[in-house]
Amino acid sequence: MAFLKPILFLFLFVPATKLFAQKDSTAKPIIEKKVTPKKQKTKIFSVDTGAYNPRVAILRSAIIPGWGQFTNKKYWKIPIVYGALGTTGYIFFRNIKQFREANASYKNAIDLDPSNDYLIPEPYYSVRSSPERIKSFRNEVRQNVDYSVLFFIAFWGLNVVDAAVDAHLKTFDVGDDLSLQIKPGYSPLANTNGISLVLNIGKTRSK
């Protein structure tokens, strides 16, 4: 009877394993959720942005002139940017002052009241008897005000463009891989052999 015990154990153990296997097969599969990586926001006000980013340089220059040049480490361009914008800004305020003086002098010259002629400053006082000359000068100054505003906006835009171009060139290799070589070549269109110039440009570099 002792030899029947292993056989009886096998009969009892095998159905139990089948039962557990069936239970496992009916278990619901685990569905893993896909995690989508979040887009990294452009850190405009960050001190260190890592690799050179033209978008950062453009936005910074649009906010504060010269900031994009500082980001691109083109420090020598910052005085040029502020020199151009400062000059046009000075001309703008100077023209505004001249326009106001010329406009007030013209009004005092045509009011037919000589008692307030002392309010007309030079050089308008000497030509107060010809108010049309004062009016003509006033109109010219008014045009100069408009031109100074346009030049100021243009220089601001050039500051942004310069920062963007420098940022793009920062990621472009202009090292020793640039070479101009003369190589023999074959033209299938003309069916002739000749010499061709080949310009090798290095790959873009990343920092």
C-alpha atoms as a PDB file:
ATOM      1  CA  MET A   1       0.000   0.000   0.000  1.00  0.00           C
ATOM      2  CA  ALA A   2       2.969   2.285   0.438  1.00  0.00           C
ATOM      3  CA  PHE A   3       3.565   2.469  -3.311  1.00  0.00           C
ATOM      4  CA  LEU A   4       0.011   3.782  -3.837  1.00  0.00           C
ATOM      5  CA  LYS A   5       0.664   6.964  -1.886  1.00  0.00           C
ATOM      6  CA  PRO A   6       2.858   8.632  -4.612  1.00  0.00           C
ATOM      7  CA  ILE A   7       0.324   7.696  -7.288  1.00  0.00           C
ATOM      8  CA  LEU A   8      -2.528   9.121  -5.211  1.00  0.00           C
ATOM      9  CA  PHE A   9      -0.505  12.320  -4.637  1.00  0.00           C
ATOM     10  CA  LEU A  10       0.003  12.766  -8.403  1.00  0.00           C
ATOM     11  CA  PHE A  11      -3.722  12.404  -9.079  1.00  0.00           C
ATOM     12  CA  LEU A  12      -4.499  15.024  -6.462  1.00  0.00           C
ATOM     13  CA  PHE A  13      -1.718  17.469  -7.408  1.00  0.00           C
ATOM     14  CA  VAL A  14      -2.215  17.518 -11.219  1.00  0.00           C
ATOM     15  CA  PRO A  15      -5.889  18.682 -11.156  1.00  0.00           C
ATOM     16  CA  ALA A  16      -4.982  21.342  -8.635  1.00  0.00           C
ATOM     17  CA  THR A  17      -2.279  22.777 -10.915  1.00  0.00           C
ATOM     18  CA  LYS A  18      -4.706  22.771 -13.866  1.00  0.00           C
ATOM     19  CA  LEU A  19      -7.234  24.641 -11.763  1.00  0.00           C
ATOM     20  CA  PHE A  20      -4.713  27.345 -10.853  1.00  0.00           C
ATOM     21  CA  ALA A  21      -3.618  27.561 -14.482  1.00  0.00           C
ATOM     22  CA  GLN A  22      -7.185  28.145 -15.592  1.00  0.00           C
ATOM     23  CA  LYS A  23      -7.637  30.831 -13.013  1.00  0.00           C
ATOM     24  CA  ASP A  24      -4.482  32.560 -14.182  1.00  0.00           C
ATOM     25  CA  SER A  25      -5.571  32.394 -17.832  1.00  0.00           C
ATOM     26  CA  THR A  26      -8.854  34.119 -17.053  1.00  0.00           C
ATOM     27  CA  ALA A  27      -7.114  36.990 -15.235  1.00  0.00           C
ATOM     28  CA  LYS A  28      -7.492  40.412 -16.846  1.00  0.00           C
ATOM     29  CA  PRO A  29      -4.386  41.697 -18.645  1.00  0.00           C
ATOM     30  CA  ILE A  30      -2.659  44.670 -17.105  1.00  0.00           C
ATOM     31  CA  ILE A  31      -2.718  47.679 -19.452  1.00  0.00           C
ATOM     32  CA  GLU A  32       0.185  50.016 -19.041  1.00  0.00           C
ATOM     33  CA  LYS A  33      -0.589  53.690 -19.511  1.00  0.00           C
ATOM     34  CA  LYS A  34       1.643  55.539 -21.919  1.00  0.00           C
ATOM     35  CA  VAL A  35       3.236  58.561 -20.361  1.00  0.00           C
ATOM     36  CA  THR A  36       3.628  61.346 -22.894  1.00  0.00           C
ATOM     37  CA  PRO A  37       6.624  63.556 -22.183  1.00  0.00           C
ATOM     38  CA  LYS A  38       5.771  67.139 -21.427  1.00  0.00           C
ATOM     39  CA  LYS A  39       6.989  69.831 -23.743  1.00  0.00           C
ATOM     40  CA  GLN A  40       9.812  71.811 -22.317  1.00  0.00           C
ATOM     41  CA  LYS A  41       8.952  75.471 -22.103  1.00  0.00           C
ATOM     42  CA  THR A  42      11.388  77.998 -23.453  1.00  0.00           C
ATOM     43  CA  LYS A  43      13.057  79.565 -20.442  1.00  0.00           C
ATOM     44  CA  ILE A  44      13.541  83.145 -21.522  1.00  0.00           C
ATOM     45  CA  PHE A  45      14.568  84.477 -18.142  1.00  0.00           C
ATOM     46  CA  SER A  46      16.822  81.551 -17.239  1.00  0.00           C
ATOM     47  CA  VAL A  47      20.483  82.458 -16.748  1.00  0.00           C
ATOM     48  CA  ASP A  48      21.825  79.282 -18.391  1.00  0.00           C
ATOM     49  CA  THR A  49      19.782  77.868 -21.286  1.00  0.00           C
ATOM     50  CA  GLY A  50      22.254  75.110 -22.201  1.00  0.00           C
ATOM     51  CA  ALA A  51      22.547  74.825 -25.966  1.00  0.00           C
ATOM     52  CA  TYR A  52      22.184  77.935 -28.060  1.00  0.00           C
ATOM     53  CA  ASN A  53      18.522  78.476 -28.857  1.00  0.00           C
ATOM     54  CA  PRO A  54      17.618  80.973 -31.596  1.00  0.00           C
ATOM     55  CA  ARG A  55      14.094  81.317 -30.155  1.00  0.00           C
ATOM     56  CA  VAL A  56      15.491  82.420 -26.807  1.00  0.00           C
ATOM     57  CA  ALA A  57      17.815  84.931 -28.478  1.00  0.00           C
ATOM     58  CA  ILE A  58      14.955  86.381 -30.561  1.00  0.00           C
ATOM     59  CA  LEU A  59      12.584  86.776 -27.619  1.00  0.00           C
ATOM     60  CA  ARG A  60      15.248  88.269 -25.389  1.00  0.00           C
ATOM     61  CA  SER A  61      16.305  90.827 -28.000  1.00  0.00           C
ATOM     62  CA  ALA A  62      12.673  91.738 -28.621  1.00  0.00           C
ATOM     63  CA  ILE A  63      12.166  92.384 -24.897  1.00  0.00           C
ATOM     64  CA  ILE A  64      15.450  94.152 -24.102  1.00  0.00           C
ATOM     65  CA  PRO A  65      17.825  95.293 -26.876  1.00  0.00           C
ATOM     66  CA  GLY A  66      21.246  93.698 -26.530  1.00  0.00           C
ATOM     67  CA  TRP A  67      20.030  90.835 -24.363  1.00  0.00           C
ATOM     68  CA  GLY A  68      20.165  88.422 -27.292  1.00  0.00           C
ATOM     69  CA  GLN A  69      23.727  89.520 -28.089  1.00  0.00           C
ATOM     70  CA  PHE A  70      24.613  88.921 -24.446  1.00  0.00           C
ATOM     71  CA  THR A  71      23.079  85.436 -24.678  1.00  0.00           C
ATOM     72  CA  ASN A  72      25.146  84.697 -27.789  1.00  0.00           C
ATOM     73  CA  LYS A  73      28.266  86.028 -26.003  1.00  0.00           C
ATOM     74  CA  LYS A  74      28.674  88.760 -28.629  1.00  0.00           C
ATOM     75  CA  TYR A  75      29.406  91.379 -26.018  1.00  0.00           C
ATOM     76  CA  TRP A  76      31.123  93.779 -28.423  1.00  0.00           C
ATOM     77  CA  LYS A  77      27.824  94.270 -30.304  1.00  0.00           C
ATOM     78  CA  ILE A  78      25.926  95.553 -27.263  1.00  0.00           C
ATOM     79  CA  PRO A  79      27.445  99.089 -27.404  1.00  0.00           C
ATOM     80  CA  ILE A  80      26.610  99.234 -31.126  1.00  0.00           C
ATOM     81  CA  VAL A  81      22.982  98.301 -30.441  1.00  0.00           C
ATOM     82  CA  TYR A  82      22.571 100.913 -27.729  1.00  0.00           C
ATOM     83  CA  GLY A  83      24.519 103.472 -29.732  1.00  0.00           C
ATOM     84  CA  ALA A  84      22.125 103.134 -32.678  1.00  0.00           C
ATOM     85  CA  LEU A  85      18.996 103.134 -30.526  1.00  0.00           C
ATOM     86  CA  GLY A  86      20.308 105.911 -28.288  1.00  0.00           C
ATOM     87  CA  THR A  87      21.113 108.151 -31.257  1.00  0.00           C
ATOM     88  CA  THR A  88      17.690 107.721 -32.848  1.00  0.00           C
ATOM     89  CA  GLY A  89      16.035 108.202 -29.463  1.00  0.00           C
ATOM     90  CA  TYR A  90      17.951 111.460 -28.896  1.00  0.00           C
ATOM     91  CA  ILE A  91      17.003 112.713 -32.379  1.00  0.00           C
ATOM     92  CA  PHE A  92      13.357 111.853 -31.707  1.00  0.00           C
ATOM     93  CA  PHE A  93      13.149 113.881 -28.481  1.00  0.00           C
ATOM     94  CA  ARG A  94      15.131 116.744 -30.037  1.00  0.00           C
ATOM     95  CA  ASN A  95      12.713 116.887 -32.976  1.00  0.00           C
ATOM     96  CA  ILE A  96       9.730 116.776 -30.610  1.00  0.00           C
ATOM     97  CA  LYS A  97      11.124 119.778 -28.744  1.00  0.00           C
ATOM     98  CA  GLN A  98      11.749 121.707 -31.977  1.00  0.00           C
ATOM     99  CA  PHE A  99       8.267 120.885 -33.238  1.00  0.00           C
ATOM    100  CA  ARG A 100       6.618 122.210 -30.100  1.00  0.00           C
ATOM    101  CA  GLU A 101       8.662 125.419 -30.193  1.00  0.00           C
ATOM    102  CA  ALA A 102       7.992 125.970 -33.914  1.00  0.00           C
ATOM    103  CA  ASN A 103       4.292 125.234 -33.503  1.00  0.00           C
ATOM    104  CA  ALA A 104       3.924 127.662 -30.573  1.00  0.00           C
ATOM    105  CA  SER A 105       5.929 130.326 -32.409  1.00  0.00           C
ATOM    106  CA  TYR A 106       3.761 129.968 -35.500  1.00  0.00           C
ATOM    107  CA  LYS A 107       0.570 130.387 -33.473  1.00  0.00           C
ATOM    108  CA  ASN A 108       1.934 133.506 -31.749  1.00  0.00           C
ATOM    109  CA  ALA A 109       3.090 134.931 -35.098  1.00  0.00           C
ATOM    110  CA  ILE A 110      -0.342 134.649 -36.767  1.00  0.00           C
ATOM    111  CA  ASP A 111      -2.518 135.872 -33.863  1.00  0.00           C
ATOM    112  CA  LEU A 112      -2.065 139.543 -34.897  1.00  0.00           C
ATOM    113  CA  ASP A 113      -1.218 140.445 -31.306  1.00  0.00           C
ATOM    114  CA  PRO A 114       2.289 141.975 -31.110  1.00  0.00           C
ATOM    115  CA  SER A 115       2.129 142.084 -27.310  1.00  0.00           C
ATOM    116  CA  ASN A 116       2.992 138.384 -27.067  1.00  0.00           C
ATOM    117  CA  ASP A 117       5.836 138.406 -29.607  1.00  0.00           C
ATOM    118  CA  TYR A 118       8.276 138.179 -26.722  1.00  0.00           C
ATOM    119  CA  LEU A 119       7.109 134.568 -26.326  1.00  0.00           C
ATOM    120  CA  ILE A 120       8.593 133.708 -29.723  1.00  0.00           C
ATOM    121  CA  PRO A 121      12.160 132.423 -29.217  1.00  0.00           C
ATOM    122  CA  GLU A 122      14.997 132.626 -31.707  1.00  0.00           C
ATOM    123  CA  PRO A 123      15.437 131.816 -34.522  1.00  0.00           C
ATOM    124  CA  TYR A 124      11.685 132.204 -35.030  1.00  0.00           C
ATOM    125  CA  TYR A 125      11.535 135.731 -33.599  1.00  0.00           C
ATOM    126  CA  SER A 126      13.588 137.201 -36.441  1.00  0.00           C
ATOM    127  CA  VAL A 127      11.152 135.784 -39.055  1.00  0.00           C
ATOM    128  CA  ARG A 128       7.921 136.421 -37.106  1.00  0.00           C
ATOM    129  CA  SER A 129       6.740 138.718 -39.893  1.00  0.00           C
ATOM    130  CA  SER A 130       6.822 135.720 -42.265  1.00  0.00           C
ATOM    131  CA  PRO A 131       4.891 133.050 -40.370  1.00  0.00           C
ATOM    132  CA  GLU A 132       4.793 130.796 -43.427  1.00  0.00           C
ATOM    133  CA  ARG A 133       8.508 130.191 -43.024  1.00  0.00           C
ATOM    134  CA  ILE A 134       7.932 129.089 -39.446  1.00  0.00           C
ATOM    135  CA  LYS A 135       5.112 126.833 -40.616  1.00  0.00           C
ATOM    136  CA  SER A 136       7.308 125.265 -43.302  1.00  0.00           C
ATOM    137  CA  PHE A 137      10.046 124.535 -40.767  1.00  0.00           C
ATOM    138  CA  ARG A 138       7.483 123.107 -38.350  1.00  0.00           C
ATOM    139  CA  ASN A 139       6.213 120.691 -41.005  1.00  0.00           C
ATOM    140  CA  GLU A 140       9.753 119.560 -41.823  1.00  0.00           C
ATOM    141  CA  VAL A 141      10.443 118.887 -38.159  1.00  0.00           C
ATOM    142  CA  ARG A 142       7.185 116.927 -37.951  1.00  0.00           C
ATOM    143  CA  GLN A 143       8.424 114.664 -40.754  1.00  0.00           C
ATOM    144  CA  ASN A 144      11.741 114.217 -38.967  1.00  0.00           C
ATOM    145  CA  VAL A 145       9.839 113.020 -35.897  1.00  0.00           C
ATOM    146  CA  ASP A 146       8.176 110.316 -37.993  1.00  0.00           C
ATOM    147  CA  TYR A 147      11.496 109.320 -39.577  1.00  0.00           C
ATOM    148  CA  SER A 148      13.222 109.052 -36.210  1.00  0.00           C
ATOM    149  CA  VAL A 149      10.463 106.714 -34.966  1.00  0.00           C
ATOM    150  CA  LEU A 150      10.813 104.544 -38.068  1.00  0.00           C
ATOM    151  CA  PHE A 151      14.601 104.383 -37.696  1.00  0.00           C
ATOM    152  CA  PHE A 152      14.257 103.483 -34.017  1.00  0.00           C
ATOM    153  CA  ILE A 153      11.906 100.601 -34.865  1.00  0.00           C
ATOM    154  CA  ALA A 154      14.197  99.503 -37.714  1.00  0.00           C
ATOM    155  CA  PHE A 155      17.272  99.410 -35.460  1.00  0.00           C
ATOM    156  CA  TRP A 156      15.310  97.488 -32.836  1.00  0.00           C
ATOM    157  CA  GLY A 157      14.322  94.960 -35.517  1.00  0.00           C
ATOM    158  CA  LEU A 158      17.910  94.671 -36.741  1.00  0.00           C
ATOM    159  CA  ASN A 159      18.948  93.963 -33.169  1.00  0.00           C
ATOM    160  CA  VAL A 160      16.517  91.010 -33.099  1.00  0.00           C
ATOM    161  CA  VAL A 161      17.621  89.729 -36.521  1.00  0.00           C
ATOM    162  CA  ASP A 162      21.298  89.955 -35.574  1.00  0.00           C
ATOM    163  CA  ALA A 163      20.718  87.953 -32.390  1.00  0.00           C
ATOM    164  CA  ALA A 164      18.784  85.294 -34.315  1.00  0.00           C
ATOM    165  CA  VAL A 165      21.477  84.937 -36.989  1.00  0.00           C
ATOM    166  CA  ASP A 166      24.257  84.683 -34.412  1.00  0.00           C
ATOM    167  CA  ALA A 167      22.306  82.040 -32.483  1.00  0.00           C
ATOM    168  CA  HIS A 168      21.875  79.950 -35.653  1.00  0.00           C
ATOM    169  CA  LEU A 169      25.548  80.294 -36.561  1.00  0.00           C
ATOM    170  CA  LYS A 170      26.528  79.162 -33.059  1.00  0.00           C
ATOM    171  CA  THR A 171      25.234  75.679 -33.939  1.00  0.00           C
ATOM    172  CA  PHE A 172      26.945  75.613 -37.329  1.00  0.00           C
ATOM    173  CA  ASP A 173      30.463  74.299 -37.704  1.00  0.00           C
ATOM    174  CA  VAL A 174      32.781  76.807 -39.328  1.00  0.00           C
ATOM    175  CA  GLY A 175      35.979  75.072 -38.230  1.00  0.00           C
ATOM    176  CA  ASP A 176      38.724  73.272 -40.094  1.00  0.00           C
ATOM    177  CA  ASP A 177      36.291  70.999 -41.944  1.00  0.00           C
ATOM    178  CA  LEU A 178      35.558  73.828 -44.366  1.00  0.00           C
ATOM    179  CA  SER A 179      37.657  73.310 -47.460  1.00  0.00           C
ATOM    180  CA  LEU A 180      37.573  74.210 -51.127  1.00  0.00           C
ATOM    181  CA  GLN A 181      39.083  71.530 -53.324  1.00  0.00           C
ATOM    182  CA  ILE A 182      39.683  71.183 -57.046  1.00  0.00           C
ATOM    183  CA  LYS A 183      38.732  67.722 -58.305  1.00  0.00           C
ATOM    184  CA  PRO A 184      38.395  66.181 -61.748  1.00  0.00           C
ATOM    185  CA  GLY A 185      34.807  65.546 -62.699  1.00  0.00           C
ATOM    186  CA  TYR A 186      32.604  64.174 -65.447  1.00  0.00           C
ATOM    187  CA  SER A 187      29.579  65.988 -66.866  1.00  0.00           C
ATOM    188  CA  PRO A 188      26.905  63.545 -68.095  1.00  0.00           C
ATOM    189  CA  LEU A 189      25.017  66.340 -69.870  1.00  0.00           C
ATOM    190  CA  ALA A 190      27.973  67.528 -71.940  1.00  0.00           C
ATOM    191  CA  ASN A 191      29.567  64.044 -72.011  1.00  0.00           C
ATOM    192  CA  THR A 192      32.938  65.591 -71.251  1.00  0.00           C
ATOM    193  CA  ASN A 193      35.559  65.461 -68.518  1.00  0.00           C
ATOM    194  CA  GLY A 194      36.563  68.578 -66.645  1.00  0.00           C
ATOM    195  CA  ILE A 195      37.562  70.137 -63.365  1.00  0.00           C
ATOM    196  CA  SER A 196      35.105  71.041 -60.624  1.00  0.00           C
ATOM    197  CA  LEU A 197      35.316  73.005 -57.392  1.00  0.00           C
ATOM    198  CA  VAL A 198      34.074  71.098 -54.352  1.00  0.00           C
ATOM    199  CA  LEU A 199      33.185  72.888 -51.107  1.00  0.00           C
ATOM    200  CA  ASN A 200      33.168  70.609 -48.075  1.00  0.00           C
ATOM    201  CA  ILE A 201      31.148  71.877 -45.146  1.00  0.00           C
ATOM    202  CA  GLY A 202      31.361  70.269 -41.743  1.00  0.00           C
ATOM    203  CA  LYS A 203      28.395  68.963 -39.832  1.00  0.00           C
ATOM    204  CA  THR A 204      26.487  71.057 -37.365  1.00  0.00           C
ATOM    205  CA  ARG A 205      27.819  70.933 -33.879  1.00  0.00           C
ATOM    206  CA  SER A 206      25.862  70.752 -30.674  1.00  0.00           C
ATOM    207  CA  LYS A 207      26.787  72.132 -27.276  1.00  0.00           C
END
